[in-house]
Amino acid sequence: MAKRPALAVAFDNSDKNFFNGHPDRQAHIRLPYEQECAGEYWSLGDHNRTRRRIVLWRVPPGNPYYKPEAMPFIKIPMLAFSDETIEDRDDILLPIIEELMFDAFEKEKKKQ
C-alpha cells in the first residue's frame, strides 16, 4: 500500500477536526493548501490563484455518496468571484454546494 504524504494527512485531519469540533455544521469553506486539488483547478481554465477555495460538504447518511468507512465529506474546488467574500455559514454554503453539484450533473449529462 502506498504511503500518503504527511502533508496530505495533516490537511485531511484539519478538515476532520473542523467537523468533529462543529457537529452541527454541514459545510465549511477554506483556502486550498499549496497544490491541493491542482488538477481540478487547472481544469477550470486560466484564473487568479487567490480566487481558489475548497468547499467541504459533510455527506448526510442516505445520500448515494455517503461512505461511513471513508471520510464523511466531499471536497469541492471552486473559484470565488474577484470581489466576493463567502461567509463560512451553512445557510450560505449549502445553496452554493447545491448549485455546484447541479452544474456538474448537467455537464456529465451532456457528455452522454
PDB file of N, CA and C in Angstrom:
ATOM      1  N   MET A   1       0.846  -1.187   0.000  1.00  0.00           N
ATOM      2  CA  MET A   1       0.000   0.000   0.000  1.00  0.00           C
ATOM      3  C   MET A   1       0.890   1.248   0.000  1.00  0.00           C
ATOM      4  N   ALA A   2       0.582   2.195  -0.866  1.00  0.00           N
ATOM      5  CA  ALA A   2       1.379   3.420  -0.975  1.00  0.00           C
ATOM      6  C   ALA A   2       1.180   4.286   0.272  1.00  0.00           C
ATOM      7  N   LYS A   3       2.268   4.860   0.718  1.00  0.00           N
ATOM      8  CA  LYS A   3       2.206   5.730   1.890  1.00  0.00           C
ATOM      9  C   LYS A   3       1.788   7.130   1.454  1.00  0.00           C
ATOM     10  N   ARG A   4       0.854   7.729   2.178  1.00  0.00           N
ATOM     11  CA  ARG A   4       0.388   9.079   1.863  1.00  0.00           C
ATOM     12  C   ARG A   4       1.358  10.088   2.441  1.00  0.00           C
ATOM     13  N   PRO A   5       1.632  11.169   1.713  1.00  0.00           N
ATOM     14  CA  PRO A   5       2.499  12.209   2.254  1.00  0.00           C
ATOM     15  C   PRO A   5       1.922  12.787   3.544  1.00  0.00           C
ATOM     16  N   ALA A   6       2.808  13.086   4.484  1.00  0.00           N
ATOM     17  CA  ALA A   6       2.383  13.612   5.783  1.00  0.00           C
ATOM     18  C   ALA A   6       1.571  14.886   5.633  1.00  0.00           C
ATOM     19  N   LEU A   7       1.920  15.725   4.657  1.00  0.00           N
ATOM     20  CA  LEU A   7       1.209  16.974   4.437  1.00  0.00           C
ATOM     21  C   LEU A   7      -0.262  16.710   4.104  1.00  0.00           C
ATOM     22  N   ALA A   8      -0.514  15.723   3.234  1.00  0.00           N
ATOM     23  CA  ALA A   8      -1.894  15.396   2.857  1.00  0.00           C
ATOM     24  C   ALA A   8      -2.671  14.879   4.059  1.00  0.00           C
ATOM     25  N   VAL A   9      -2.037  14.059   4.876  1.00  0.00           N
ATOM     26  CA  VAL A   9      -2.706  13.528   6.057  1.00  0.00           C
ATOM     27  C   VAL A   9      -3.053  14.655   7.025  1.00  0.00           C
ATOM     28  N   ALA A  10      -2.139  15.608   7.205  1.00  0.00           N
ATOM     29  CA  ALA A  10      -2.395  16.738   8.105  1.00  0.00           C
ATOM     30  C   ALA A  10      -3.594  17.550   7.625  1.00  0.00           C
ATOM     31  N   PHE A  11      -3.714  17.763   6.306  1.00  0.00           N
ATOM     32  CA  PHE A  11      -4.835  18.524   5.768  1.00  0.00           C
ATOM     33  C   PHE A  11      -6.143  17.771   5.987  1.00  0.00           C
ATOM     34  N   ASP A  12      -6.139  16.466   5.717  1.00  0.00           N
ATOM     35  CA  ASP A  12      -7.333  15.659   5.950  1.00  0.00           C
ATOM     36  C   ASP A  12      -7.747  15.746   7.407  1.00  0.00           C
ATOM     37  N   ASN A  13      -6.770  15.686   8.305  1.00  0.00           N
ATOM     38  CA  ASN A  13      -7.073  15.752   9.726  1.00  0.00           C
ATOM     39  C   ASN A  13      -7.646  17.105  10.120  1.00  0.00           C
ATOM     40  N   SER A  14      -7.171  18.191   9.519  1.00  0.00           N
ATOM     41  CA  SER A  14      -7.718  19.506   9.871  1.00  0.00           C
ATOM     42  C   SER A  14      -9.175  19.609   9.436  1.00  0.00           C
ATOM     43  N   ASP A  15      -9.512  19.012   8.306  1.00  0.00           N
ATOM     44  CA  ASP A  15     -10.909  19.004   7.858  1.00  0.00           C
ATOM     45  C   ASP A  15     -11.762  18.139   8.790  1.00  0.00           C
ATOM     46  N   LYS A  16     -11.255  16.967   9.141  1.00  0.00           N
ATOM     47  CA  LYS A  16     -11.987  16.108  10.085  1.00  0.00           C
ATOM     48  C   LYS A  16     -12.151  16.817  11.422  1.00  0.00           C
ATOM     49  N   ASN A  17     -11.085  17.480  11.871  1.00  0.00           N
ATOM     50  CA  ASN A  17     -11.149  18.197  13.150  1.00  0.00           C
ATOM     51  C   ASN A  17     -12.195  19.311  13.118  1.00  0.00           C
ATOM     52  N   PHE A  18     -12.313  19.991  11.975  1.00  0.00           N
ATOM     53  CA  PHE A  18     -13.331  21.040  11.874  1.00  0.00           C
ATOM     54  C   PHE A  18     -14.710  20.448  12.119  1.00  0.00           C
ATOM     55  N   PHE A  19     -15.040  19.376  11.394  1.00  0.00           N
ATOM     56  CA  PHE A  19     -16.374  18.792  11.522  1.00  0.00           C
ATOM     57  C   PHE A  19     -16.579  18.116  12.873  1.00  0.00           C
ATOM     58  N   ASN A  20     -15.536  17.552  13.440  1.00  0.00           N
ATOM     59  CA  ASN A  20     -15.655  16.984  14.790  1.00  0.00           C
ATOM     60  C   ASN A  20     -15.908  18.086  15.821  1.00  0.00           C
ATOM     61  N   GLY A  21     -15.287  19.242  15.610  1.00  0.00           N
ATOM     62  CA  GLY A  21     -15.463  20.374  16.526  1.00  0.00           C
ATOM     63  C   GLY A  21     -16.747  21.151  16.312  1.00  0.00           C
ATOM     64  N   HIS A  22     -17.383  20.933  15.166  1.00  0.00           N
ATOM     65  CA  HIS A  22     -18.631  21.629  14.814  1.00  0.00           C
ATOM     66  C   HIS A  22     -19.655  20.595  14.336  1.00  0.00           C
ATOM     67  N   PRO A  23     -20.157  19.764  15.230  1.00  0.00           N
ATOM     68  CA  PRO A  23     -21.050  18.679  14.815  1.00  0.00           C
ATOM     69  C   PRO A  23     -22.362  19.154  14.186  1.00  0.00           C
ATOM     70  N   ASP A  24     -22.725  20.408  14.393  1.00  0.00           N
ATOM     71  CA  ASP A  24     -23.955  20.947  13.811  1.00  0.00           C
ATOM     72  C   ASP A  24     -23.766  21.444  12.381  1.00  0.00           C
ATOM     73  N   ARG A  25     -22.525  21.570  11.935  1.00  0.00           N
ATOM     74  CA  ARG A  25     -22.238  22.116  10.602  1.00  0.00           C
ATOM     75  C   ARG A  25     -22.284  21.037   9.528  1.00  0.00           C
ATOM     76  N   GLN A  26     -22.804  21.403   8.355  1.00  0.00           N
ATOM     77  CA  GLN A  26     -22.837  20.520   7.196  1.00  0.00           C
ATOM     78  C   GLN A  26     -21.853  20.940   6.114  1.00  0.00           C
ATOM     79  N   ALA A  27     -21.313  22.159   6.231  1.00  0.00           N
ATOM     80  CA  ALA A  27     -20.421  22.675   5.190  1.00  0.00           C
ATOM     81  C   ALA A  27     -19.357  23.576   5.819  1.00  0.00           C
ATOM     82  N   HIS A  28     -18.271  23.755   5.069  1.00  0.00           N
ATOM     83  CA  HIS A  28     -17.158  24.599   5.520  1.00  0.00           C
ATOM     84  C   HIS A  28     -16.419  25.067   4.270  1.00  0.00           C
ATOM     85  N   ILE A  29     -15.906  26.285   4.304  1.00  0.00           N
ATOM     86  CA  ILE A  29     -15.109  26.801   3.190  1.00  0.00           C
ATOM     87  C   ILE A  29     -13.756  27.227   3.736  1.00  0.00           C
ATOM     88  N   ARG A  30     -12.721  26.984   2.938  1.00  0.00           N
ATOM     89  CA  ARG A  30     -11.370  27.356   3.335  1.00  0.00           C
ATOM     90  C   ARG A  30     -10.522  27.548   2.084  1.00  0.00           C
ATOM     91  N   LEU A  31      -9.341  28.128   2.295  1.00  0.00           N
ATOM     92  CA  LEU A  31      -8.376  28.241   1.205  1.00  0.00           C
ATOM     93  C   LEU A  31      -7.732  26.884   0.972  1.00  0.00           C
ATOM     94  N   PRO A  32      -7.349  26.580  -0.265  1.00  0.00           N
ATOM     95  CA  PRO A  32      -6.646  25.316  -0.504  1.00  0.00           C
ATOM     96  C   PRO A  32      -5.216  25.388   0.023  1.00  0.00           C
ATOM     97  N   TYR A  33      -4.688  24.238   0.375  1.00  0.00           N
ATOM     98  CA  TYR A  33      -3.308  24.134   0.827  1.00  0.00           C
ATOM     99  C   TYR A  33      -2.402  23.919  -0.368  1.00  0.00           C
ATOM    100  N   GLU A  34      -1.404  24.754  -0.529  1.00  0.00           N
ATOM    101  CA  GLU A  34      -0.388  24.666  -1.570  1.00  0.00           C
ATOM    102  C   GLU A  34      -0.951  24.153  -2.888  1.00  0.00           C
ATOM    103  N   GLN A  35      -0.642  22.919  -3.276  1.00  0.00           N
ATOM    104  CA  GLN A  35      -1.083  22.381  -4.570  1.00  0.00           C
ATOM    105  C   GLN A  35      -2.314  21.479  -4.449  1.00  0.00           C
ATOM    106  N   GLU A  36      -3.049  21.605  -3.360  1.00  0.00           N
ATOM    107  CA  GLU A  36      -4.240  20.782  -3.159  1.00  0.00           C
ATOM    108  C   GLU A  36      -5.223  20.986  -4.312  1.00  0.00           C
ATOM    109  N   CYS A  37      -5.677  19.911  -4.888  1.00  0.00           N
ATOM    110  CA  CYS A  37      -6.642  19.910  -5.995  1.00  0.00           C
ATOM    111  C   CYS A  37      -6.128  20.677  -7.213  1.00  0.00           C
ATOM    112  N   ALA A  38      -4.821  20.676  -7.410  1.00  0.00           N
ATOM    113  CA  ALA A  38      -4.217  21.433  -8.519  1.00  0.00           C
ATOM    114  C   ALA A  38      -4.810  21.035  -9.866  1.00  0.00           C
ATOM    115  N   GLY A  39      -5.034  19.747 -10.076  1.00  0.00           N
ATOM    116  CA  GLY A  39      -5.600  19.285 -11.349  1.00  0.00           C
ATOM    117  C   GLY A  39      -7.008  19.807 -11.578  1.00  0.00           C
ATOM    118  N   GLU A  40      -7.804  19.804 -10.529  1.00  0.00           N
ATOM    119  CA  GLU A  40      -9.169  20.305 -10.657  1.00  0.00           C
ATOM    120  C   GLU A  40      -9.177  21.799 -10.978  1.00  0.00           C
ATOM    121  N   TYR A  41      -8.289  22.547 -10.333  1.00  0.00           N
ATOM    122  CA  TYR A  41      -8.220  23.986 -10.628  1.00  0.00           C
ATOM    123  C   TYR A  41      -7.710  24.226 -12.044  1.00  0.00           C
ATOM    124  N   TRP A  42      -6.764  23.421 -12.468  1.00  0.00           N
ATOM    125  CA  TRP A  42      -6.240  23.549 -13.831  1.00  0.00           C
ATOM    126  C   TRP A  42      -7.375  23.371 -14.835  1.00  0.00           C
ATOM    127  N   SER A  43      -8.294  22.433 -14.547  1.00  0.00           N
ATOM    128  CA  SER A  43      -9.401  22.172 -15.470  1.00  0.00           C
ATOM    129  C   SER A  43     -10.406  23.329 -15.526  1.00  0.00           C
ATOM    130  N   LEU A  44     -10.341  24.260 -14.571  1.00  0.00           N
ATOM    131  CA  LEU A  44     -11.259  25.403 -14.563  1.00  0.00           C
ATOM    132  C   LEU A  44     -10.785  26.549 -15.458  1.00  0.00           C
ATOM    133  N   GLY A  45      -9.635  26.362 -16.103  1.00  0.00           N
ATOM    134  CA  GLY A  45      -9.133  27.377 -17.022  1.00  0.00           C
ATOM    135  C   GLY A  45      -8.265  28.414 -16.320  1.00  0.00           C
ATOM    136  N   ASP A  46      -7.834  29.392 -17.102  1.00  0.00           N
ATOM    137  CA  ASP A  46      -6.954  30.440 -16.594  1.00  0.00           C
ATOM    138  C   ASP A  46      -7.694  31.269 -15.536  1.00  0.00           C
ATOM    139  N   HIS A  47      -7.046  31.458 -14.389  1.00  0.00           N
ATOM    140  CA  HIS A  47      -7.680  32.221 -13.308  1.00  0.00           C
ATOM    141  C   HIS A  47      -6.616  32.706 -12.329  1.00  0.00           C
ATOM    142  N   ASN A  48      -6.998  33.645 -11.505  1.00  0.00           N
ATOM    143  CA  ASN A  48      -6.135  34.160 -10.449  1.00  0.00           C
ATOM    144  C   ASN A  48      -6.163  33.168  -9.288  1.00  0.00           C
ATOM    145  N   ARG A  49      -5.007  32.683  -8.858  1.00  0.00           N
ATOM    146  CA  ARG A  49      -4.932  31.671  -7.798  1.00  0.00           C
ATOM    147  C   ARG A  49      -5.530  32.148  -6.465  1.00  0.00           C
ATOM    148  N   THR A  50      -5.600  33.448  -6.254  1.00  0.00           N
ATOM    149  CA  THR A  50      -6.152  33.954  -4.991  1.00  0.00           C
ATOM    150  C   THR A  50      -7.662  33.728  -4.898  1.00  0.00           C
ATOM    151  N   ARG A  51      -8.295  33.370  -6.009  1.00  0.00           N
ATOM    152  CA  ARG A  51      -9.741  33.115  -6.025  1.00  0.00           C
ATOM    153  C   ARG A  51     -10.088  31.680  -5.656  1.00  0.00           C
ATOM    154  N   ARG A  52      -9.082  30.822  -5.501  1.00  0.00           N
ATOM    155  CA  ARG A  52      -9.330  29.402  -5.218  1.00  0.00           C
ATOM    156  C   ARG A  52      -9.879  29.192  -3.808  1.00  0.00           C
ATOM    157  N   ARG A  53     -10.880  28.335  -3.726  1.00  0.00           N
ATOM    158  CA  ARG A  53     -11.468  27.953  -2.445  1.00  0.00           C
ATOM    159  C   ARG A  53     -11.778  26.459  -2.469  1.00  0.00           C
ATOM    160  N   ILE A  54     -11.804  25.866  -1.293  1.00  0.00           N
ATOM    161  CA  ILE A  54     -12.262  24.489  -1.123  1.00  0.00           C
ATOM    162  C   ILE A  54     -13.526  24.561  -0.278  1.00  0.00           C
ATOM    163  N   VAL A  55     -14.603  24.008  -0.811  1.00  0.00           N
ATOM    164  CA  VAL A  55     -15.844  23.895  -0.049  1.00  0.00           C
ATOM    165  C   VAL A  55     -15.938  22.433   0.375  1.00  0.00           C
ATOM    166  N   LEU A  56     -16.156  22.216   1.655  1.00  0.00           N
ATOM    167  CA  LEU A  56     -16.309  20.865   2.182  1.00  0.00           C
ATOM    168  C   LEU A  56     -17.770  20.648   2.541  1.00  0.00           C
ATOM    169  N   TRP A  57     -18.276  19.499   2.172  1.00  0.00           N
ATOM    170  CA  TRP A  57     -19.665  19.160   2.451  1.00  0.00           C
ATOM    171  C   TRP A  57     -19.712  17.857   3.224  1.00  0.00           C
ATOM    172  N   ARG A  58     -20.299  17.894   4.407  1.00  0.00           N
ATOM    173  CA  ARG A  58     -20.485  16.667   5.188  1.00  0.00           C
ATOM    174  C   ARG A  58     -21.641  15.905   4.545  1.00  0.00           C
ATOM    175  N   VAL A  59     -21.334  14.758   4.016  1.00  0.00           N
ATOM    176  CA  VAL A  59     -22.331  13.973   3.300  1.00  0.00           C
ATOM    177  C   VAL A  59     -23.287  13.320   4.312  1.00  0.00           C
ATOM    178  N   PRO A  60     -24.580  13.581   4.181  1.00  0.00           N
ATOM    179  CA  PRO A  60     -25.529  13.010   5.137  1.00  0.00           C
ATOM    180  C   PRO A  60     -25.788  11.529   4.849  1.00  0.00           C
ATOM    181  N   PRO A  61     -26.040  10.739   5.894  1.00  0.00           N
ATOM    182  CA  PRO A  61     -26.423   9.338   5.674  1.00  0.00           C
ATOM    183  C   PRO A  61     -27.648   9.279   4.768  1.00  0.00           C
ATOM    184  N   GLY A  62     -27.683   8.293   3.917  1.00  0.00           N
ATOM    185  CA  GLY A  62     -28.792   8.168   2.972  1.00  0.00           C
ATOM    186  C   GLY A  62     -28.461   8.742   1.607  1.00  0.00           C
ATOM    187  N   ASN A  63     -27.453   9.596   1.537  1.00  0.00           N
ATOM    188  CA  ASN A  63     -27.008  10.153   0.263  1.00  0.00           C
ATOM    189  C   ASN A  63     -26.180   9.096  -0.465  1.00  0.00           C
ATOM    190  N   PRO A  64     -26.288   9.001  -1.796  1.00  0.00           N
ATOM    191  CA  PRO A  64     -25.513   7.995  -2.536  1.00  0.00           C
ATOM    192  C   PRO A  64     -23.997   8.110  -2.343  1.00  0.00           C
ATOM    193  N   TYR A  65     -23.510   9.295  -1.989  1.00  0.00           N
ATOM    194  CA  TYR A  65     -22.069   9.481  -1.799  1.00  0.00           C
ATOM    195  C   TYR A  65     -21.613   9.207  -0.367  1.00  0.00           C
ATOM    196  N   TYR A  66     -22.532   8.885   0.512  1.00  0.00           N
ATOM    197  CA  TYR A  66     -22.194   8.617   1.909  1.00  0.00           C
ATOM    198  C   TYR A  66     -21.469   7.284   2.022  1.00  0.00           C
ATOM    199  N   LYS A  67     -20.275   7.334   2.618  1.00  0.00           N
ATOM    200  CA  LYS A  67     -19.481   6.128   2.853  1.00  0.00           C
ATOM    201  C   LYS A  67     -18.943   6.215   4.274  1.00  0.00           C
ATOM    202  N   PRO A  68     -19.574   5.528   5.207  1.00  0.00           N
ATOM    203  CA  PRO A  68     -19.163   5.658   6.604  1.00  0.00           C
ATOM    204  C   PRO A  68     -17.730   5.217   6.866  1.00  0.00           C
ATOM    205  N   GLU A  69     -17.196   4.309   6.032  1.00  0.00           N
ATOM    206  CA  GLU A  69     -15.828   3.843   6.239  1.00  0.00           C
ATOM    207  C   GLU A  69     -14.793   4.830   5.694  1.00  0.00           C
ATOM    208  N   ALA A  70     -15.215   5.745   4.878  1.00  0.00           N
ATOM    209  CA  ALA A  70     -14.310   6.748   4.297  1.00  0.00           C
ATOM    210  C   ALA A  70     -14.515   8.092   4.991  1.00  0.00           C
ATOM    211  N   MET A  71     -13.802   9.097   4.510  1.00  0.00           N
ATOM    212  CA  MET A  71     -14.010  10.439   5.048  1.00  0.00           C
ATOM    213  C   MET A  71     -15.451  10.850   4.770  1.00  0.00           C
ATOM    214  N   PRO A  72     -16.155  11.338   5.765  1.00  0.00           N
ATOM    215  CA  PRO A  72     -17.576  11.635   5.585  1.00  0.00           C
ATOM    216  C   PRO A  72     -17.860  12.991   4.937  1.00  0.00           C
ATOM    217  N   PHE A  73     -16.917  13.505   4.143  1.00  0.00           N
ATOM    218  CA  PHE A  73     -17.174  14.771   3.476  1.00  0.00           C
ATOM    219  C   PHE A  73     -16.552  14.761   2.083  1.00  0.00           C
ATOM    220  N   ILE A  74     -17.079  15.630   1.240  1.00  0.00           N
ATOM    221  CA  ILE A  74     -16.596  15.780  -0.132  1.00  0.00           C
ATOM    222  C   ILE A  74     -15.923  17.135  -0.241  1.00  0.00           C
ATOM    223  N   LYS A  75     -14.739  17.160  -0.874  1.00  0.00           N
ATOM    224  CA  LYS A  75     -14.036  18.420  -1.160  1.00  0.00           C
ATOM    225  C   LYS A  75     -14.458  18.885  -2.547  1.00  0.00           C
ATOM    226  N   ILE A  76     -14.884  20.125  -2.630  1.00  0.00           N
ATOM    227  CA  ILE A  76     -15.319  20.694  -3.911  1.00  0.00           C
ATOM    228  C   ILE A  76     -14.482  21.939  -4.191  1.00  0.00           C
ATOM    229  N   PRO A  77     -13.561  21.863  -5.159  1.00  0.00           N
ATOM    230  CA  PRO A  77     -12.793  23.055  -5.522  1.00  0.00           C
ATOM    231  C   PRO A  77     -13.692  24.037  -6.276  1.00  0.00           C
ATOM    232  N   MET A  78     -13.541  25.306  -5.984  1.00  0.00           N
ATOM    233  CA  MET A  78     -14.318  26.328  -6.688  1.00  0.00           C
ATOM    234  C   MET A  78     -13.504  27.618  -6.769  1.00  0.00           C
ATOM    235  N   LEU A  79     -13.967  28.512  -7.626  1.00  0.00           N
ATOM    236  CA  LEU A  79     -13.355  29.830  -7.746  1.00  0.00           C
ATOM    237  C   LEU A  79     -14.351  30.876  -7.268  1.00  0.00           C
ATOM    238  N   ALA A  80     -13.906  31.720  -6.370  1.00  0.00           N
ATOM    239  CA  ALA A  80     -14.735  32.837  -5.925  1.00  0.00           C
ATOM    240  C   ALA A  80     -14.639  33.956  -6.961  1.00  0.00           C
ATOM    241  N   PHE A  81     -15.666  34.778  -7.047  1.00  0.00           N
ATOM    242  CA  PHE A  81     -15.571  35.958  -7.888  1.00  0.00           C
ATOM    243  C   PHE A  81     -14.521  36.874  -7.284  1.00  0.00           C
ATOM    244  N   SER A  82     -13.916  37.718  -8.105  1.00  0.00           N
ATOM    245  CA  SER A  82     -12.782  38.527  -7.650  1.00  0.00           C
ATOM    246  C   SER A  82     -13.112  39.423  -6.457  1.00  0.00           C
ATOM    247  N   ASP A  83     -14.322  39.903  -6.379  1.00  0.00           N
ATOM    248  CA  ASP A  83     -14.680  40.814  -5.282  1.00  0.00           C
ATOM    249  C   ASP A  83     -15.593  40.140  -4.256  1.00  0.00           C
ATOM    250  N   GLU A  84     -15.672  38.814  -4.300  1.00  0.00           N
ATOM    251  CA  GLU A  84     -16.632  38.079  -3.481  1.00  0.00           C
ATOM    252  C   GLU A  84     -16.044  37.637  -2.146  1.00  0.00           C
ATOM    253  N   THR A  85     -16.794  37.841  -1.093  1.00  0.00           N
ATOM    254  CA  THR A  85     -16.488  37.278   0.217  1.00  0.00           C
ATOM    255  C   THR A  85     -17.568  36.241   0.498  1.00  0.00           C
ATOM    256  N   ILE A  86     -17.133  35.028   0.787  1.00  0.00           N
ATOM    257  CA  ILE A  86     -18.085  33.952   1.051  1.00  0.00           C
ATOM    258  C   ILE A  86     -18.000  33.608   2.537  1.00  0.00           C
ATOM    259  N   GLU A  87     -19.085  33.857   3.247  1.00  0.00           N
ATOM    260  CA  GLU A  87     -19.101  33.583   4.679  1.00  0.00           C
ATOM    261  C   GLU A  87     -19.152  32.082   4.935  1.00  0.00           C
ATOM    262  N   ASP A  88     -18.469  31.656   5.990  1.00  0.00           N
ATOM    263  CA  ASP A  88     -18.401  30.247   6.369  1.00  0.00           C
ATOM    264  C   ASP A  88     -19.602  29.898   7.247  1.00  0.00           C
ATOM    265  N   ARG A  89     -20.765  29.841   6.586  1.00  0.00           N
ATOM    266  CA  ARG A  89     -22.020  29.513   7.277  1.00  0.00           C
ATOM    267  C   ARG A  89     -22.816  28.553   6.409  1.00  0.00           C
ATOM    268  N   ASP A  90     -23.487  27.604   7.016  1.00  0.00           N
ATOM    269  CA  ASP A  90     -24.262  26.626   6.256  1.00  0.00           C
ATOM    270  C   ASP A  90     -25.337  27.258   5.384  1.00  0.00           C
ATOM    271  N   ASP A  91     -26.014  28.288   5.886  1.00  0.00           N
ATOM    272  CA  ASP A  91     -27.082  28.899   5.093  1.00  0.00           C
ATOM    273  C   ASP A  91     -26.547  29.579   3.833  1.00  0.00           C
ATOM    274  N   ILE A  92     -25.276  29.904   3.818  1.00  0.00           N
ATOM    275  CA  ILE A  92     -24.624  30.472   2.627  1.00  0.00           C
ATOM    276  C   ILE A  92     -24.046  29.357   1.755  1.00  0.00           C
ATOM    277  N   LEU A  93     -23.364  28.402   2.382  1.00  0.00           N
ATOM    278  CA  LEU A  93     -22.617  27.385   1.647  1.00  0.00           C
ATOM    279  C   LEU A  93     -23.481  26.288   1.029  1.00  0.00           C
ATOM    280  N   LEU A  94     -24.522  25.855   1.709  1.00  0.00           N
ATOM    281  CA  LEU A  94     -25.324  24.750   1.183  1.00  0.00           C
ATOM    282  C   LEU A  94     -25.976  25.072  -0.163  1.00  0.00           C
ATOM    283  N   PRO A  95     -26.520  26.275  -0.376  1.00  0.00           N
ATOM    284  CA  PRO A  95     -27.034  26.592  -1.719  1.00  0.00           C
ATOM    285  C   PRO A  95     -25.918  26.639  -2.782  1.00  0.00           C
ATOM    286  N   ILE A  96     -24.723  27.073  -2.398  1.00  0.00           N
ATOM    287  CA  ILE A  96     -23.591  27.079  -3.336  1.00  0.00           C
ATOM    288  C   ILE A  96     -23.246  25.643  -3.720  1.00  0.00           C
ATOM    289  N   ILE A  97     -23.200  24.754  -2.729  1.00  0.00           N
ATOM    290  CA  ILE A  97     -22.900  23.343  -2.997  1.00  0.00           C
ATOM    291  C   ILE A  97     -23.958  22.744  -3.914  1.00  0.00           C
ATOM    292  N   GLU A  98     -25.214  23.039  -3.640  1.00  0.00           N
ATOM    293  CA  GLU A  98     -26.299  22.524  -4.483  1.00  0.00           C
ATOM    294  C   GLU A  98     -26.122  22.976  -5.935  1.00  0.00           C
ATOM    295  N   GLU A  99     -25.776  24.237  -6.118  1.00  0.00           N
ATOM    296  CA  GLU A  99     -25.572  24.759  -7.471  1.00  0.00           C
ATOM    297  C   GLU A  99     -24.370  24.102  -8.151  1.00  0.00           C
ATOM    298  N   LEU A 100     -23.267  23.941  -7.420  1.00  0.00           N
ATOM    299  CA  LEU A 100     -22.078  23.295  -7.977  1.00  0.00           C
ATOM    300  C   LEU A 100     -22.369  21.851  -8.374  1.00  0.00           C
ATOM    301  N   MET A 101     -23.091  21.131  -7.529  1.00  0.00           N
ATOM    302  CA  MET A 101     -23.424  19.739  -7.818  1.00  0.00           C
ATOM    303  C   MET A 101     -24.355  19.639  -9.024  1.00  0.00           C
ATOM    304  N   PHE A 102     -25.321  20.530  -9.099  1.00  0.00           N
ATOM    305  CA  PHE A 102     -26.254  20.528 -10.228  1.00  0.00           C
ATOM    306  C   PHE A 102     -25.514  20.829 -11.526  1.00  0.00           C
ATOM    307  N   ASP A 103     -24.620  21.823 -11.502  1.00  0.00           N
ATOM    308  CA  ASP A 103     -23.834  22.162 -12.697  1.00  0.00           C
ATOM    309  C   ASP A 103     -22.986  20.978 -13.145  1.00  0.00           C
ATOM    310  N   ALA A 104     -22.350  20.288 -12.193  1.00  0.00           N
ATOM    311  CA  ALA A 104     -21.526  19.121 -12.523  1.00  0.00           C
ATOM    312  C   ALA A 104     -22.399  18.013 -13.118  1.00  0.00           C
ATOM    313  N   PHE A 105     -23.583  17.809 -12.567  1.00  0.00           N
ATOM    314  CA  PHE A 105     -24.512  16.808 -13.077  1.00  0.00           C
ATOM    315  C   PHE A 105     -24.903  17.126 -14.522  1.00  0.00           C
ATOM    316  N   GLU A 106     -25.223  18.387 -14.784  1.00  0.00           N
ATOM    317  CA  GLU A 106     -25.618  18.805 -16.136  1.00  0.00           C
ATOM    318  C   GLU A 106     -24.470  18.608 -17.131  1.00  0.00           C
ATOM    319  N   LYS A 107     -23.243  18.916 -16.731  1.00  0.00           N
ATOM    320  CA  LYS A 107     -22.092  18.727 -17.620  1.00  0.00           C
ATOM    321  C   LYS A 107     -21.911  17.247 -17.954  1.00  0.00           C
ATOM    322  N   GLU A 108     -22.044  16.395 -16.955  1.00  0.00           N
ATOM    323  CA  GLU A 108     -21.906  14.955 -17.184  1.00  0.00           C
ATOM    324  C   GLU A 108     -23.019  14.435 -18.095  1.00  0.00           C
ATOM    325  N   LYS A 109     -24.214  14.954 -17.922  1.00  0.00           N
ATOM    326  CA  LYS A 109     -25.353  14.542 -18.746  1.00  0.00           C
ATOM    327  C   LYS A 109     -25.101  14.879 -20.216  1.00  0.00           C
ATOM    328  N   LYS A 110     -24.496  16.037 -20.467  1.00  0.00           N
ATOM    329  CA  LYS A 110     -24.230  16.465 -21.845  1.00  0.00           C
ATOM    330  C   LYS A 110     -23.176  15.586 -22.514  1.00  0.00           C
ATOM    331  N   LYS A 111     -22.281  14.998 -21.727  1.00  0.00           N
ATOM    332  CA  LYS A 111     -21.235  14.125 -22.276  1.00  0.00           C
ATOM    333  C   LYS A 111     -21.807  12.817 -22.801  1.00  0.00           C
ATOM    334  N   GLN A 112     -22.942  12.403 -22.287  1.00  0.00           N
ATOM    335  CA  GLN A 112     -23.513  11.107 -22.652  1.00  0.00           C
ATOM    336  C   GLN A 112     -24.263  11.145 -23.940  1.00  0.00           C
TER     337      GLN A 112
END
